[in-house]
PDB file of N, CA and C in Angstrom:
ATOM      1  N   MET A   1       0.839  -1.193   0.000  1.00  0.00           N
ATOM      2  CA  MET A   1       0.000   0.000   0.000  1.00  0.00           C
ATOM      3  C   MET A   1       0.877   1.248   0.000  1.00  0.00           C
ATOM      4  N   GLU A   2       0.394   2.243  -0.674  1.00  0.00           N
ATOM      5  CA  GLU A   2       1.202   3.446  -0.750  1.00  0.00           C
ATOM      6  C   GLU A   2       1.015   4.344   0.470  1.00  0.00           C
ATOM      7  N   ILE A   3       1.883   5.286   0.598  1.00  0.00           N
ATOM      8  CA  ILE A   3       1.873   6.220   1.717  1.00  0.00           C
ATOM      9  C   ILE A   3       0.695   7.181   1.564  1.00  0.00           C
ATOM     10  N   THR A   4       0.027   7.454   2.684  1.00  0.00           N
ATOM     11  CA  THR A   4      -1.076   8.408   2.664  1.00  0.00           C
ATOM     12  C   THR A   4      -0.778   9.537   3.643  1.00  0.00           C
ATOM     13  N   SER A   5      -1.352  10.685   3.360  1.00  0.00           N
ATOM     14  CA  SER A   5      -1.189  11.816   4.279  1.00  0.00           C
ATOM     15  C   SER A   5      -2.527  12.522   4.424  1.00  0.00           C
ATOM     16  N   SER A   6      -2.714  13.109   5.606  1.00  0.00           N
ATOM     17  CA  SER A   6      -3.948  13.837   5.858  1.00  0.00           C
ATOM     18  C   SER A   6      -3.648  14.970   6.837  1.00  0.00           C
ATOM     19  N   TYR A   7      -4.506  15.974   6.798  1.00  0.00           N
ATOM     20  CA  TYR A   7      -4.359  17.113   7.702  1.00  0.00           C
ATOM     21  C   TYR A   7      -5.333  16.972   8.858  1.00  0.00           C
ATOM     22  N   GLN A   8      -4.873  17.347  10.038  1.00  0.00           N
ATOM     23  CA  GLN A   8      -5.707  17.330  11.232  1.00  0.00           C
ATOM     24  C   GLN A   8      -5.546  18.660  11.967  1.00  0.00           C
ATOM     25  N   ASN A   9      -6.387  18.852  12.981  1.00  0.00           N
ATOM     26  CA  ASN A   9      -6.305  20.044  13.834  1.00  0.00           C
ATOM     27  C   ASN A   9      -6.363  21.338  12.997  1.00  0.00           C
ATOM     28  N   GLN A  10      -7.397  21.459  12.202  1.00  0.00           N
ATOM     29  CA  GLN A  10      -7.613  22.619  11.320  1.00  0.00           C
ATOM     30  C   GLN A  10      -6.428  22.906  10.399  1.00  0.00           C
ATOM     31  N   GLY A  11      -5.798  21.845   9.892  1.00  0.00           N
ATOM     32  CA  GLY A  11      -4.706  22.008   8.944  1.00  0.00           C
ATOM     33  C   GLY A  11      -3.359  22.305   9.557  1.00  0.00           C
ATOM     34  N   LYS A  12      -3.251  22.223  10.879  1.00  0.00           N
ATOM     35  CA  LYS A  12      -1.983  22.527  11.548  1.00  0.00           C
ATOM     36  C   LYS A  12      -1.075  21.314  11.698  1.00  0.00           C
ATOM     37  N   VAL A  13      -1.643  20.120  11.556  1.00  0.00           N
ATOM     38  CA  VAL A  13      -0.866  18.892  11.718  1.00  0.00           C
ATOM     39  C   VAL A  13      -0.992  18.047  10.455  1.00  0.00           C
ATOM     40  N   LEU A  14       0.150  17.661   9.892  1.00  0.00           N
ATOM     41  CA  LEU A  14       0.172  16.735   8.769  1.00  0.00           C
ATOM     42  C   LEU A  14       0.498  15.362   9.327  1.00  0.00           C
ATOM     43  N   VAL A  15      -0.360  14.382   9.065  1.00  0.00           N
ATOM     44  CA  VAL A  15      -0.129  13.006   9.505  1.00  0.00           C
ATOM     45  C   VAL A  15       0.217  12.174   8.274  1.00  0.00           C
ATOM     46  N   VAL A  16       1.392  11.533   8.320  1.00  0.00           N
ATOM     47  CA  VAL A  16       1.853  10.702   7.218  1.00  0.00           C
ATOM     48  C   VAL A  16       1.844   9.253   7.689  1.00  0.00           C
ATOM     49  N   ASP A  17       1.025   8.420   7.039  1.00  0.00           N
ATOM     50  CA  ASP A  17       0.939   6.996   7.339  1.00  0.00           C
ATOM     51  C   ASP A  17       1.774   6.272   6.288  1.00  0.00           C
ATOM     52  N   VAL A  18       2.843   5.603   6.728  1.00  0.00           N
ATOM     53  CA  VAL A  18       3.762   5.002   5.765  1.00  0.00           C
ATOM     54  C   VAL A  18       3.402   3.572   5.372  1.00  0.00           C
ATOM     55  N   GLY A  19       2.379   3.000   5.963  1.00  0.00           N
ATOM     56  CA  GLY A  19       1.946   1.657   5.582  1.00  0.00           C
ATOM     57  C   GLY A  19       2.750   0.564   6.267  1.00  0.00           C
ATOM     58  N   THR A  20       2.692  -0.649   5.711  1.00  0.00           N
ATOM     59  CA  THR A  20       3.291  -1.812   6.372  1.00  0.00           C
ATOM     60  C   THR A  20       4.793  -1.933   6.162  1.00  0.00           C
ATOM     61  N   LYS A  21       5.286  -1.402   5.069  1.00  0.00           N
ATOM     62  CA  LYS A  21       6.707  -1.535   4.737  1.00  0.00           C
ATOM     63  C   LYS A  21       7.279  -0.157   4.432  1.00  0.00           C
ATOM     64  N   PHE A  22       8.273   0.262   5.211  1.00  0.00           N
ATOM     65  CA  PHE A  22       8.887   1.585   5.037  1.00  0.00           C
ATOM     66  C   PHE A  22      10.331   1.343   4.625  1.00  0.00           C
ATOM     67  N   ASP A  23      10.568   1.381   3.306  1.00  0.00           N
ATOM     68  CA  ASP A  23      11.903   1.108   2.784  1.00  0.00           C
ATOM     69  C   ASP A  23      12.165   1.959   1.549  1.00  0.00           C
ATOM     70  N   PHE A  24      13.269   1.680   0.876  1.00  0.00           N
ATOM     71  CA  PHE A  24      13.716   2.487  -0.261  1.00  0.00           C
ATOM     72  C   PHE A  24      12.653   2.625  -1.353  1.00  0.00           C
ATOM     73  N   SER A  25      11.793   1.631  -1.499  1.00  0.00           N
ATOM     74  CA  SER A  25      10.764   1.694  -2.544  1.00  0.00           C
ATOM     75  C   SER A  25       9.754   2.816  -2.288  1.00  0.00           C
ATOM     76  N   LYS A  26       9.760   3.385  -1.087  1.00  0.00           N
ATOM     77  CA  LYS A  26       8.795   4.427  -0.735  1.00  0.00           C
ATOM     78  C   LYS A  26       9.369   5.848  -0.796  1.00  0.00           C
ATOM     79  N   VAL A  27      10.587   6.005  -1.282  1.00  0.00           N
ATOM     80  CA  VAL A  27      11.238   7.326  -1.281  1.00  0.00           C
ATOM     81  C   VAL A  27      10.373   8.392  -1.945  1.00  0.00           C
ATOM     82  N   GLU A  28       9.944   8.158  -3.145  1.00  0.00           N
ATOM     83  CA  GLU A  28       9.181   9.174  -3.883  1.00  0.00           C
ATOM     84  C   GLU A  28       7.834   9.444  -3.212  1.00  0.00           C
ATOM     85  N   ASP A  29       7.129   8.397  -2.800  1.00  0.00           N
ATOM     86  CA  ASP A  29       5.832   8.568  -2.147  1.00  0.00           C
ATOM     87  C   ASP A  29       5.977   9.342  -0.837  1.00  0.00           C
ATOM     88  N   PHE A  30       7.041   9.059  -0.081  1.00  0.00           N
ATOM     89  CA  PHE A  30       7.240   9.753   1.187  1.00  0.00           C
ATOM     90  C   PHE A  30       7.518  11.235   0.947  1.00  0.00           C
ATOM     91  N   ARG A  31       8.376  11.538  -0.028  1.00  0.00           N
ATOM     92  CA  ARG A  31       8.658  12.942  -0.368  1.00  0.00           C
ATOM     93  C   ARG A  31       7.393  13.674  -0.776  1.00  0.00           C
ATOM     94  N   ASN A  32       6.585  13.008  -1.588  1.00  0.00           N
ATOM     95  CA  ASN A  32       5.344  13.622  -2.057  1.00  0.00           C
ATOM     96  C   ASN A  32       4.368  13.886  -0.911  1.00  0.00           C
ATOM     97  N   ALA A  33       4.426  13.079   0.130  1.00  0.00           N
ATOM     98  CA  ALA A  33       3.500  13.219   1.261  1.00  0.00           C
ATOM     99  C   ALA A  33       3.674  14.547   1.986  1.00  0.00           C
ATOM    100  N   TYR A  34       4.906  15.064   2.024  1.00  0.00           N
ATOM    101  CA  TYR A  34       5.127  16.348   2.696  1.00  0.00           C
ATOM    102  C   TYR A  34       5.583  17.450   1.733  1.00  0.00           C
ATOM    103  N   GLY A  35       5.654  17.158   0.465  1.00  0.00           N
ATOM    104  CA  GLY A  35       6.168  18.100  -0.527  1.00  0.00           C
ATOM    105  C   GLY A  35       5.317  19.334  -0.728  1.00  0.00           C
ATOM    106  N   GLU A  36       4.012  19.209  -0.627  1.00  0.00           N
ATOM    107  CA  GLU A  36       3.090  20.334  -0.833  1.00  0.00           C
ATOM    108  C   GLU A  36       2.519  20.753   0.518  1.00  0.00           C
ATOM    109  N   LEU A  37       3.383  21.026   1.454  1.00  0.00           N
ATOM    110  CA  LEU A  37       2.993  21.316   2.821  1.00  0.00           C
ATOM    111  C   LEU A  37       2.240  22.627   2.924  1.00  0.00           C
ATOM    112  N   GLY A  38       1.055  22.575   3.530  1.00  0.00           N
ATOM    113  CA  GLY A  38       0.247  23.771   3.714  1.00  0.00           C
ATOM    114  C   GLY A  38       0.939  24.796   4.597  1.00  0.00           C
ATOM    115  N   ALA A  39       0.623  26.052   4.390  1.00  0.00           N
ATOM    116  CA  ALA A  39       1.271  27.144   5.129  1.00  0.00           C
ATOM    117  C   ALA A  39       0.952  27.115   6.618  1.00  0.00           C
ATOM    118  N   ASP A  40      -0.185  26.557   6.994  1.00  0.00           N
ATOM    119  CA  ASP A  40      -0.598  26.539   8.398  1.00  0.00           C
ATOM    120  C   ASP A  40       0.024  25.403   9.201  1.00  0.00           C
ATOM    121  N   VAL A  41       0.674  24.472   8.539  1.00  0.00           N
ATOM    122  CA  VAL A  41       1.215  23.300   9.235  1.00  0.00           C
ATOM    123  C   VAL A  41       2.351  23.707  10.178  1.00  0.00           C
ATOM    124  N   SER A  42       2.245  23.243  11.422  1.00  0.00           N
ATOM    125  CA  SER A  42       3.299  23.500  12.403  1.00  0.00           C
ATOM    126  C   SER A  42       3.884  22.208  12.967  1.00  0.00           C
ATOM    127  N   HIS A  43       3.262  21.070  12.632  1.00  0.00           N
ATOM    128  CA  HIS A  43       3.715  19.793  13.167  1.00  0.00           C
ATOM    129  C   HIS A  43       3.501  18.689  12.130  1.00  0.00           C
ATOM    130  N   ILE A  44       4.458  17.777  12.059  1.00  0.00           N
ATOM    131  CA  ILE A  44       4.319  16.605  11.198  1.00  0.00           C
ATOM    132  C   ILE A  44       4.414  15.365  12.071  1.00  0.00           C
ATOM    133  N   THR A  45       3.429  14.496  11.944  1.00  0.00           N
ATOM    134  CA  THR A  45       3.409  13.216  12.639  1.00  0.00           C
ATOM    135  C   THR A  45       3.603  12.112  11.611  1.00  0.00           C
ATOM    136  N   VAL A  46       4.559  11.226  11.860  1.00  0.00           N
ATOM    137  CA  VAL A  46       4.741  10.039  11.032  1.00  0.00           C
ATOM    138  C   VAL A  46       4.112   8.882  11.809  1.00  0.00           C
ATOM    139  N   ASP A  47       3.050   8.320  11.249  1.00  0.00           N
ATOM    140  CA  ASP A  47       2.306   7.249  11.908  1.00  0.00           C
ATOM    141  C   ASP A  47       2.852   5.898  11.447  1.00  0.00           C
ATOM    142  N   LEU A  48       3.408   5.153  12.396  1.00  0.00           N
ATOM    143  CA  LEU A  48       3.988   3.841  12.087  1.00  0.00           C
ATOM    144  C   LEU A  48       3.131   2.698  12.643  1.00  0.00           C
ATOM    145  N   SER A  49       1.854   2.949  12.884  1.00  0.00           N
ATOM    146  CA  SER A  49       0.997   1.938  13.496  1.00  0.00           C
ATOM    147  C   SER A  49       0.869   0.673  12.660  1.00  0.00           C
ATOM    148  N   ARG A  50       0.961   0.779  11.350  1.00  0.00           N
ATOM    149  CA  ARG A  50       0.846  -0.404  10.482  1.00  0.00           C
ATOM    150  C   ARG A  50       2.202  -0.921  10.009  1.00  0.00           C
ATOM    151  N   THR A  51       3.277  -0.227  10.356  1.00  0.00           N
ATOM    152  CA  THR A  51       4.599  -0.563   9.833  1.00  0.00           C
ATOM    153  C   THR A  51       5.191  -1.779  10.535  1.00  0.00           C
ATOM    154  N   GLU A  52       5.444  -2.807   9.744  1.00  0.00           N
ATOM    155  CA  GLU A  52       6.034  -4.043  10.256  1.00  0.00           C
ATOM    156  C   GLU A  52       7.516  -4.146   9.917  1.00  0.00           C
ATOM    157  N   TYR A  53       7.933  -3.424   8.877  1.00  0.00           N
ATOM    158  CA  TYR A  53       9.325  -3.495   8.422  1.00  0.00           C
ATOM    159  C   TYR A  53       9.816  -2.095   8.092  1.00  0.00           C
ATOM    160  N   MET A  54      11.015  -1.787   8.563  1.00  0.00           N
ATOM    161  CA  MET A  54      11.635  -0.497   8.284  1.00  0.00           C
ATOM    162  C   MET A  54      13.129  -0.734   8.129  1.00  0.00           C
ATOM    163  N   ASP A  55      13.751  -0.159   7.096  1.00  0.00           N
ATOM    164  CA  ASP A  55      15.187  -0.343   6.910  1.00  0.00           C
ATOM    165  C   ASP A  55      15.924   0.993   7.073  1.00  0.00           C
ATOM    166  N   SER A  56      17.220   0.964   6.853  1.00  0.00           N
ATOM    167  CA  SER A  56      18.040   2.163   7.063  1.00  0.00           C
ATOM    168  C   SER A  56      17.677   3.291   6.107  1.00  0.00           C
ATOM    169  N   SER A  57      17.183   2.974   4.937  1.00  0.00           N
ATOM    170  CA  SER A  57      16.786   4.048   4.019  1.00  0.00           C
ATOM    171  C   SER A  57      15.578   4.804   4.567  1.00  0.00           C
ATOM    172  N   ALA A  58      14.724   4.151   5.332  1.00  0.00           N
ATOM    173  CA  ALA A  58      13.599   4.828   5.965  1.00  0.00           C
ATOM    174  C   ALA A  58      14.102   5.847   6.987  1.00  0.00           C
ATOM    175  N   LEU A  59      15.131   5.469   7.731  1.00  0.00           N
ATOM    176  CA  LEU A  59      15.731   6.412   8.682  1.00  0.00           C
ATOM    177  C   LEU A  59      16.268   7.631   7.936  1.00  0.00           C
ATOM    178  N   GLY A  60      16.923   7.382   6.818  1.00  0.00           N
ATOM    179  CA  GLY A  60      17.442   8.468   5.990  1.00  0.00           C
ATOM    180  C   GLY A  60      16.337   9.364   5.461  1.00  0.00           C
ATOM    181  N   MET A  61      15.204   8.777   5.089  1.00  0.00           N
ATOM    182  CA  MET A  61      14.083   9.574   4.587  1.00  0.00           C
ATOM    183  C   MET A  61      13.532  10.492   5.678  1.00  0.00           C
ATOM    184  N   LEU A  62      13.477   9.994   6.908  1.00  0.00           N
ATOM    185  CA  LEU A  62      12.997  10.809   8.018  1.00  0.00           C
ATOM    186  C   LEU A  62      13.930  11.999   8.260  1.00  0.00           C
ATOM    187  N   LEU A  63      15.224  11.741   8.245  1.00  0.00           N
ATOM    188  CA  LEU A  63      16.190  12.823   8.436  1.00  0.00           C
ATOM    189  C   LEU A  63      16.157  13.808   7.278  1.00  0.00           C
ATOM    190  N   ASN A  64      16.004  13.288   6.069  1.00  0.00           N
ATOM    191  CA  ASN A  64      15.951  14.155   4.889  1.00  0.00           C
ATOM    192  C   ASN A  64      14.716  15.053   4.920  1.00  0.00           C
ATOM    193  N   MET A  65      13.619  14.536   5.446  1.00  0.00           N
ATOM    194  CA  MET A  65      12.416  15.361   5.575  1.00  0.00           C
ATOM    195  C   MET A  65      12.718  16.569   6.462  1.00  0.00           C
ATOM    196  N   GLN A  66      13.372  16.339   7.598  1.00  0.00           N
ATOM    197  CA  GLN A  66      13.718  17.442   8.490  1.00  0.00           C
ATOM    198  C   GLN A  66      14.672  18.423   7.816  1.00  0.00           C
ATOM    199  N   LYS A  67      15.633  17.899   7.088  1.00  0.00           N
ATOM    200  CA  LYS A  67      16.606  18.753   6.403  1.00  0.00           C
ATOM    201  C   LYS A  67      15.918  19.594   5.322  1.00  0.00           C
ATOM    202  N   THR A  68      15.043  18.968   4.558  1.00  0.00           N
ATOM    203  CA  THR A  68      14.328  19.663   3.489  1.00  0.00           C
ATOM    204  C   THR A  68      13.442  20.774   4.031  1.00  0.00           C
ATOM    205  N   LEU A  69      12.846  20.536   5.183  1.00  0.00           N
ATOM    206  CA  LEU A  69      11.906  21.497   5.762  1.00  0.00           C
ATOM    207  C   LEU A  69      12.536  22.370   6.853  1.00  0.00           C
ATOM    208  N   ALA A  70      13.849  22.395   6.919  1.00  0.00           N
ATOM    209  CA  ALA A  70      14.568  23.102   7.993  1.00  0.00           C
ATOM    210  C   ALA A  70      14.238  24.594   8.061  1.00  0.00           C
ATOM    211  N   GLU A  71      13.870  25.192   6.946  1.00  0.00           N
ATOM    212  CA  GLU A  71      13.567  26.625   6.925  1.00  0.00           C
ATOM    213  C   GLU A  71      12.276  26.947   7.672  1.00  0.00           C
ATOM    214  N   ARG A  72      11.427  25.953   7.831  1.00  0.00           N
ATOM    215  CA  ARG A  72      10.146  26.142   8.519  1.00  0.00           C
ATOM    216  C   ARG A  72      10.290  25.769   9.988  1.00  0.00           C
ATOM    217  N   GLU A  73       9.574  26.447  10.830  1.00  0.00           N
ATOM    218  CA  GLU A  73       9.605  26.134  12.258  1.00  0.00           C
ATOM    219  C   GLU A  73       8.564  25.056  12.538  1.00  0.00           C
ATOM    220  N   LEU A  74       8.979  23.808  12.383  1.00  0.00           N
ATOM    221  CA  LEU A  74       8.082  22.678  12.550  1.00  0.00           C
ATOM    222  C   LEU A  74       8.544  21.800  13.703  1.00  0.00           C
ATOM    223  N   THR A  75       7.603  21.090  14.296  1.00  0.00           N
ATOM    224  CA  THR A  75       7.934  20.036  15.247  1.00  0.00           C
ATOM    225  C   THR A  75       7.556  18.714  14.593  1.00  0.00           C
ATOM    226  N   TYR A  76       8.185  17.643  15.061  1.00  0.00           N
ATOM    227  CA  TYR A  76       7.999  16.331  14.446  1.00  0.00           C
ATOM    228  C   TYR A  76       7.757  15.273  15.514  1.00  0.00           C
ATOM    229  N   SER A  77       6.920  14.306  15.169  1.00  0.00           N
ATOM    230  CA  SER A  77       6.762  13.156  16.051  1.00  0.00           C
ATOM    231  C   SER A  77       6.634  11.888  15.224  1.00  0.00           C
ATOM    232  N   ILE A  78       7.042  10.799  15.844  1.00  0.00           N
ATOM    233  CA  ILE A  78       6.841   9.466  15.286  1.00  0.00           C
ATOM    234  C   ILE A  78       5.939   8.762  16.284  1.00  0.00           C
ATOM    235  N   GLU A  79       4.815   8.252  15.788  1.00  0.00           N
ATOM    236  CA  GLU A  79       3.819   7.707  16.700  1.00  0.00           C
ATOM    237  C   GLU A  79       3.423   6.280  16.347  1.00  0.00           C
ATOM    238  N   ASN A  80       3.029   5.554  17.390  1.00  0.00           N
ATOM    239  CA  ASN A  80       2.435   4.223  17.279  1.00  0.00           C
ATOM    240  C   ASN A  80       3.368   3.159  16.696  1.00  0.00           C
ATOM    241  N   ALA A  81       4.660   3.285  16.915  1.00  0.00           N
ATOM    242  CA  ALA A  81       5.605   2.300  16.387  1.00  0.00           C
ATOM    243  C   ALA A  81       5.446   0.971  17.121  1.00  0.00           C
ATOM    244  N   ARG A  82       5.448  -0.102  16.378  1.00  0.00           N
ATOM    245  CA  ARG A  82       5.422  -1.437  16.963  1.00  0.00           C
ATOM    246  C   ARG A  82       6.762  -1.696  17.638  1.00  0.00           C
ATOM    247  N   PRO A  83       6.809  -2.632  18.586  1.00  0.00           N
ATOM    248  CA  PRO A  83       8.040  -2.857  19.363  1.00  0.00           C
ATOM    249  C   PRO A  83       9.310  -3.037  18.529  1.00  0.00           C
ATOM    250  N   GLN A  84       9.259  -3.830  17.458  1.00  0.00           N
ATOM    251  CA  GLN A  84      10.470  -4.070  16.668  1.00  0.00           C
ATOM    252  C   GLN A  84      10.924  -2.816  15.926  1.00  0.00           C
ATOM    253  N   VAL A  85       9.980  -1.984  15.503  1.00  0.00           N
ATOM    254  CA  VAL A  85      10.312  -0.728  14.827  1.00  0.00           C
ATOM    255  C   VAL A  85      10.790   0.299  15.856  1.00  0.00           C
ATOM    256  N   ALA A  86      10.141   0.339  17.003  1.00  0.00           N
ATOM    257  CA  ALA A  86      10.546   1.253  18.075  1.00  0.00           C
ATOM    258  C   ALA A  86      11.984   0.974  18.513  1.00  0.00           C
ATOM    259  N   LYS A  87      12.368  -0.288  18.508  1.00  0.00           N
ATOM    260  CA  LYS A  87      13.736  -0.670  18.881  1.00  0.00           C
ATOM    261  C   LYS A  87      14.748  -0.093  17.891  1.00  0.00           C
ATOM    262  N   ILE A  88      14.434  -0.160  16.613  1.00  0.00           N
ATOM    263  CA  ILE A  88      15.309   0.406  15.576  1.00  0.00           C
ATOM    264  C   ILE A  88      15.467   1.909  15.796  1.00  0.00           C
ATOM    265  N   LEU A  89      14.363   2.583  16.083  1.00  0.00           N
ATOM    266  CA  LEU A  89      14.401   4.028  16.308  1.00  0.00           C
ATOM    267  C   LEU A  89      15.232   4.377  17.532  1.00  0.00           C
ATOM    268  N   LYS A  90      15.080   3.588  18.580  1.00  0.00           N
ATOM    269  CA  LYS A  90      15.826   3.859  19.811  1.00  0.00           C
ATOM    270  C   LYS A  90      17.320   3.620  19.611  1.00  0.00           C
ATOM    271  N   ILE A  91      17.687   2.509  18.986  1.00  0.00           N
ATOM    272  CA  ILE A  91      19.094   2.193  18.729  1.00  0.00           C
ATOM    273  C   ILE A  91      19.728   3.278  17.862  1.00  0.00           C
ATOM    274  N   SER A  92      18.959   3.808  16.923  1.00  0.00           N
ATOM    275  CA  SER A  92      19.450   4.837  16.005  1.00  0.00           C
ATOM    276  C   SER A  92      19.375   6.239  16.608  1.00  0.00           C
ATOM    277  N   ARG A  93      18.939   6.334  17.852  1.00  0.00           N
ATOM    278  CA  ARG A  93      18.851   7.586  18.605  1.00  0.00           C
ATOM    279  C   ARG A  93      17.924   8.622  17.967  1.00  0.00           C
ATOM    280  N   PHE A  94      16.876   8.138  17.351  1.00  0.00           N
ATOM    281  CA  PHE A  94      15.914   9.040  16.730  1.00  0.00           C
ATOM    282  C   PHE A  94      15.081   9.790  17.759  1.00  0.00           C
ATOM    283  N   ASP A  95      15.141   9.358  19.007  1.00  0.00           N
ATOM    284  CA  ASP A  95      14.429  10.082  20.065  1.00  0.00           C
ATOM    285  C   ASP A  95      15.068  11.451  20.321  1.00  0.00           C
ATOM    286  N   LYS A  96      16.260  11.676  19.768  1.00  0.00           N
ATOM    287  CA  LYS A  96      16.932  12.979  19.897  1.00  0.00           C
ATOM    288  C   LYS A  96      16.425  13.982  18.866  1.00  0.00           C
ATOM    289  N   LYS A  97      15.870  13.487  17.759  1.00  0.00           N
ATOM    290  CA  LYS A  97      15.411  14.355  16.673  1.00  0.00           C
ATOM    291  C   LYS A  97      13.890  14.395  16.540  1.00  0.00           C
ATOM    292  N   PHE A  98      13.215  13.387  17.068  1.00  0.00           N
ATOM    293  CA  PHE A  98      11.766  13.282  16.963  1.00  0.00           C
ATOM    294  C   PHE A  98      11.181  13.000  18.342  1.00  0.00           C
ATOM    295  N   ASP A  99       9.976  13.485  18.553  1.00  0.00           N
ATOM    296  CA  ASP A  99       9.231  13.110  19.736  1.00  0.00           C
ATOM    297  C   ASP A  99       8.599  11.757  19.407  1.00  0.00           C
ATOM    298  N   ILE A 100       9.013  10.720  20.093  1.00  0.00           N
ATOM    299  CA  ILE A 100       8.506   9.381  19.807  1.00  0.00           C
ATOM    300  C   ILE A 100       7.440   9.030  20.823  1.00  0.00           C
ATOM    301  N   LYS A 101       6.244   8.769  20.299  1.00  0.00           N
ATOM    302  CA  LYS A 101       5.086   8.461  21.165  1.00  0.00           C
ATOM    303  C   LYS A 101       4.582   7.067  20.914  1.00  0.00           C
TER     304      LYS A 101
END
C-alpha cells in the first residue's frame, strides 16, 4: 500500500501513514506526502501503526524530511511504532530528533 497523508487540527498537523513496509521503494511517495505542505502546518506526525518493516533508508528519509523542511519552524513526532520498529528508532537515537510516542 502506498503512503497516505492527511491534515488534522484545522490544517496545523500533517499526519503521514507510511503503511506496512517503510523502505527504499517508498522514497518518492514519502517525499510527495510532505512536498506540498500547507502554510498553516506546524507539526508533522509520522504514523507507524501499520509498519512491520523499516530499513536504514527509511531512517534516511525521516532525516531528509527534516533537512528539506529546515527553513520552517516545525515540530515532528513518530507515533504508534510497533516494538520491533521502536527498537530500531531507539538504537538509532531518533528520540533525539523526533518526539517518539
